[in-house]
Structure formats: C-alpha cells, structure tokens
C-alpha cells in the first residue's frame, strides 16, 4: 500500500513539473504575442503616416493639375491673340513689320515661360507617379505583413487557448487525483491500524502457540525417549524399509500419464507395422515386379526380414501395457519399484536388433535401386537422402534404448544409476524423442519427393502408386505420433523427475530393489491395519431391551403364521381389485366408443340442420305462408332431437368421468394394499431376525 502511495506521489510530482514547464512556455508565448501585437500597432501607425503623406501629395498634385489647367488656358488665349495678331499683320504689313520685333520678343518670352511650365509639369507628373507607385508597393507590403501577423496572432491565440484548456484539464485531473489519493491514504491509514491490531493479535497467538508447542515438544521428547527403542531414519539401510508418504495425487497423475503414453505407443506401433509392411510390398514391386520377374536375392532376403516385423514391434505395445497396469493408485511408483520397465527396455532392445538387422539390406536395396536403368539423377539423389535418413533413424533408436535401459537399472541394479542423474537421463530422453521426430519429418519429406518422381517413371503402375501413397500415409502417421510423444514427454518432464525419484522421509534413496519390495509389503500391511481400525463394530442389543422385546413377542398375537395369512388375504384382495380394474377399463373403452358414435351422430345432425337453414335463407320472397308454417313446425322437432343428443353426450361423459374416478380410487386402494403387504413382510423379517439373534 505504501509503495502504491509513493508511486502515486511520484506521478503527482511529475505532473506538477510538466505543469510548471508548460506554464513557463505559456509565459514565453504570451510575451511573443504581445511583441507581435506591438509590432502590428507600430506598423499601423506607420501606415497612417504614409496615408497622411499620400494625402498631402495628392493635394499638391491636385493643386498642380489645377495650375497646369490655368496655364494651358492662358497658352490657348495667347495662341488666339497670336492668331489675331497674324491676321491683322496681313492687312497692314507695315504695322506688322514695325511691330514684328515686339511680337517676337513676346513669343520668345511666352515660349520660355511655356517650356518651363511644361518641364515643371512633367517633373511633377513623374514625382506623382513615383510617389503613387511607392505608396502602392508600401501599402501592399504592409497589408501582406499585416495578414501574416494576424495569422501568426491567431495561431498563437489558438495555441494559448489549447494550452490553457490543457492546463485546466490537467489541474482538474490533478485535483481529482489528489482527492482520490487523500481518500486512499485515509483508507490505507485505517488498514494500517487494522494491520497493527492484527499483528499484535498474531504475535500474541504466536506466543501462545510457541508456549503450547514447547510443552508438546517436551511431552513428545519424553515419549520418544521412553517408548521408541531406536531411530531407524538415521541409517539409510533401515530407512529404506520405511513406507514413504503416499502421494495419491502423484499416483493418479502418473497413471493418467502412463495411459496417455500407452495410447501414443499404440499409435506408434501401428504406424511402424504399416511402414514395414508397405516397405516390404514396395521392395517386391519396384524396381522389379515380383509378379512378372524375379527380384534380386538381396531384396528377397530384405522382404523376408521385413515380413517378421510384427514379432518385434508388437511386444513394444505389450510391454507398455504391462507397465501401465503395474501403476495403480495403491502402489508407490518410483524407478526402484517399476520392475515392468525392464521388460519394456528388453522389447525395445529386440526391436533395435531388428532395425540393425534390416539396415544393411535397406541401404543395399536403395543402392541397387540407384543402379537401375529406371533411376534418374533426381531419384538417385532422393534415394541417397533416404540412405542417410535410415542410418539416423537407427542411431536415434540406439540412443533411446540406451536411456530407457538406464531408467530400468534402479529396479535391478541400483548402483548403476545414481538418483542425482535421473534428471539428466529424462532430459536426454526428451531431446532424443525430438530428434526422432525431426528424422521422421525428413524421411516423410524425402519419401514424398521420391514418390512424385517415381510416378513419372514410364514403367510406373497403379500398384506402385498405391503402395507409395500407403507408405507416405504410414510415415505421416509415424511423424505425427513421434511429435505427440515428444511434446508429451517434454511437457511432463518436471513431473517425471519429481515423482519418480522420491523415497522415504529423511533418506536419500532406496538401497536396492529388495528393500523396495519389502517396503511395498509393509505398505500393504499398514493399509490393511488402518482398514481394520476403521472397520465399524457390529451393533448389539442391550439386555434390558432384549428382555422387553421377548415379552412383547410372547404376548403379541401377531405370529409369523398370522402375518402370512394377512399377506395371503391382502394378495387375494389385490387380485380381485385388479380384476375389477380390468372390468372397469373395458367398460370405459365401450363408453368411449359409444361417445364417439354419439359425437358422430351429433355432427351429422348438426350438418343437416345447417344445410336446411341455408335452404330456408335461400327461399325467394314470393313463397306462400303454408310453407313457412311447415318449416316453423319442423324446426322445434330438430331442436328437440339436438337437445336429446347433447343430453346423451353429457350423460356418456359423466359416466366416463365416474369410471375414471372409480379407477383412480381402485388404484389408490391397490397401492395401499401393496404398502400394507410390504410393511407386513418387513415386520415378519424383523421378527425372524430378532428370534434368530435371541
């Protein structure tokens, strides 16, 4: 609890640090936003000043244009005056010649003045254009900068809003966590107080128990010193004869595992039988078919040996079955007591001899098949792979036999295998089984490739294809079984090493198989002794009760003969009641038949009545009154017949219900009579037993 509180406190501190960092970042962001706002304000001021200068220039431009217009009007007036003066000069050449000097001086003055005004106007136009372009460019720059600053300000504001929201959420979460932690700390404090009280109580109980155990230990030591002649657990020879603690759970688990192992071995044996049998069939049909030509002496001998496979493979299943039957709930199954493991090891050794015997012939047969003209290069490569696989298979069985024979040593020669090496042997068996599975997978793969290549051979027959399929199915079954038994042994390796290596308490091992056998005999004796102790004593009748029962028997008139007569009378009553029951059952059946007939009549009459009513409704309106009277007379007659049928039906139903009630009452009386007979029989049996006991 304290660790949980410390962890929550650490989380709270981390969140507080993150909050302080985010708060500092928030201050920096706020400062940046304020600076940008100040920059935007200064830019706005500059924009206003530029607008004012632009307005001034615009006003100057307006005044200059107005002045320019005035000068243009004056030039026009001067040109008009010049034209008038030229017109007058034609009339009076003399006056013109006299005044030409004056007009030329005026023209030159006017031209100079006009040229100056034009240049000044052009310069003003250029200045105005440049000022206008500069103003537009500056305005565009300021507008783009203002938009960028507004976007940045919006982004900063969004970041600020999100951070404030995040900080508020974090603050609320931290406050909630703080409240929860306070509540939890209060509960932890209460629990700590309770734990302190409980520890005090437990310490007090421990002191009391120590005092009680100390007194009991003293008593036990006194009893041991006075009653026990010697301690047999100090000597391994004597301790080996003690019965170990019987672990029924281990025994049931071992029996279950042995049953599973038996099923796996049976599956493996079936697959091995099929594999050897189909291999024999394959040798006789490929590369030379024995039905059309004589096969080689090598293959003849090989098929002869393969024909004997059942005498070597079947004992494996039998040995495993005997081993399974030797493991029961009442036995103590350890390696020193599993005598049947030696028989299984011997059967495995005989099968290994069989494999060693057929291995040279199998290898030579594959080599002979490679030398055949039908064998291609790919098929030859597959045959050589199988050549190697068969050697590996025999080597795996040799390793497996070695380790199984080591496991069988403690039941015959305990000095051949120390108990400290049990784990090593079991681990190697598991590794060997996995190697066996790997070899079979390679054999299955190479056989499947070989079968596909043999199908392409020109002389391949349907018999060869079928045999190859059978071999492949047997090898697949063998691979599947080997994988199951390997995984099974690996998964239960710890249980094997723990349950098959325990012994008497205080001892390291069983000295020899004879000690284990004596231990089992002692176990049986101890079990018989405990069973005899648990056997309940026979009930005996007190003397006073026996005397009272004798007086009751002597004074009572219900003797055995009287009870027999009562039973006979009750049986006669039951027979009579059963006869009456059968009679009433027949009566009920007859009544049901009559009721069905009456129902049929009723249905027929109702159908006739319905047809007549339909006919009455279909009569035309111009029918005479006499026919109406006849129909009115007929209708009450039909209704009376219907009433009679209904009353007869009800009477039959009432009779049936009465009969059923009568039958029920008869059944009840029969059951009561039978119960009385049973009680009378029990009473007679009890009296006879009491008489016998007396």
Foldseek 3Di string as FASTA:
>chain_A
DVVVLVVLVVVLVVLVVVLVVLVVVLVVLVVVLVVLVVVLVVLVVVLVVLVVVLVVLVVVLVVLVVVVVVLVVVVVVVVVVVVVVVVVCVVPVPVCVVCVVVVVVVVVVSVVVVVVSVVVSVVSVVVNVVSVVVSVVSVVVSVVVSVVSVVVSVVSVVVSVVSVVVSVVSVVVSVVSVVVSVVVVVVVVVVVVVVVVVVVVVVVVVVVVVVVVVVVVVVVVVCCVVPPPDDQLVDQQSLLLAAADQDLVLLVVVLVLLVVVLVLLVLLLVLVLLLLLLVLVLLCPPPHHVVVDNHDPLNVVLSVLSVCLCVLSVQLSVLSVVQSVVRDSLAQAALQASLSLQSNLVSLVSNLVSLVVNLVSLLVSLVVNCPDPLQDPVLNVLSVLVNVLSVQLSVLSVLLSVLSVQSNCQNAPVVSDDLVCPLVSLVVNLVSLVSNLVSLVSVLVSLVVNLVVLVPRPPDDPSNNVSSVSNSVSSVSNSVSSVVVSVSSVVCSVSNSVRRQDGHPSHRHNPGSVSSVSSRVVSVVVVVVVVVVPDDDDDDDDPVVLVVVVVCVVPDPCALVNLVVLLVVLVVVLVVLVVVLVVLVVVLVVLVVVLVVLVVVLVVLVVVVVVVVVVVVPDDPPDDVVVVVVVVVVVVVSVVVNVVSVVVNVVSVVVNVVSVVVSVVSVVVSVVSVVVSVVSVVVSVVVVVSVVVD
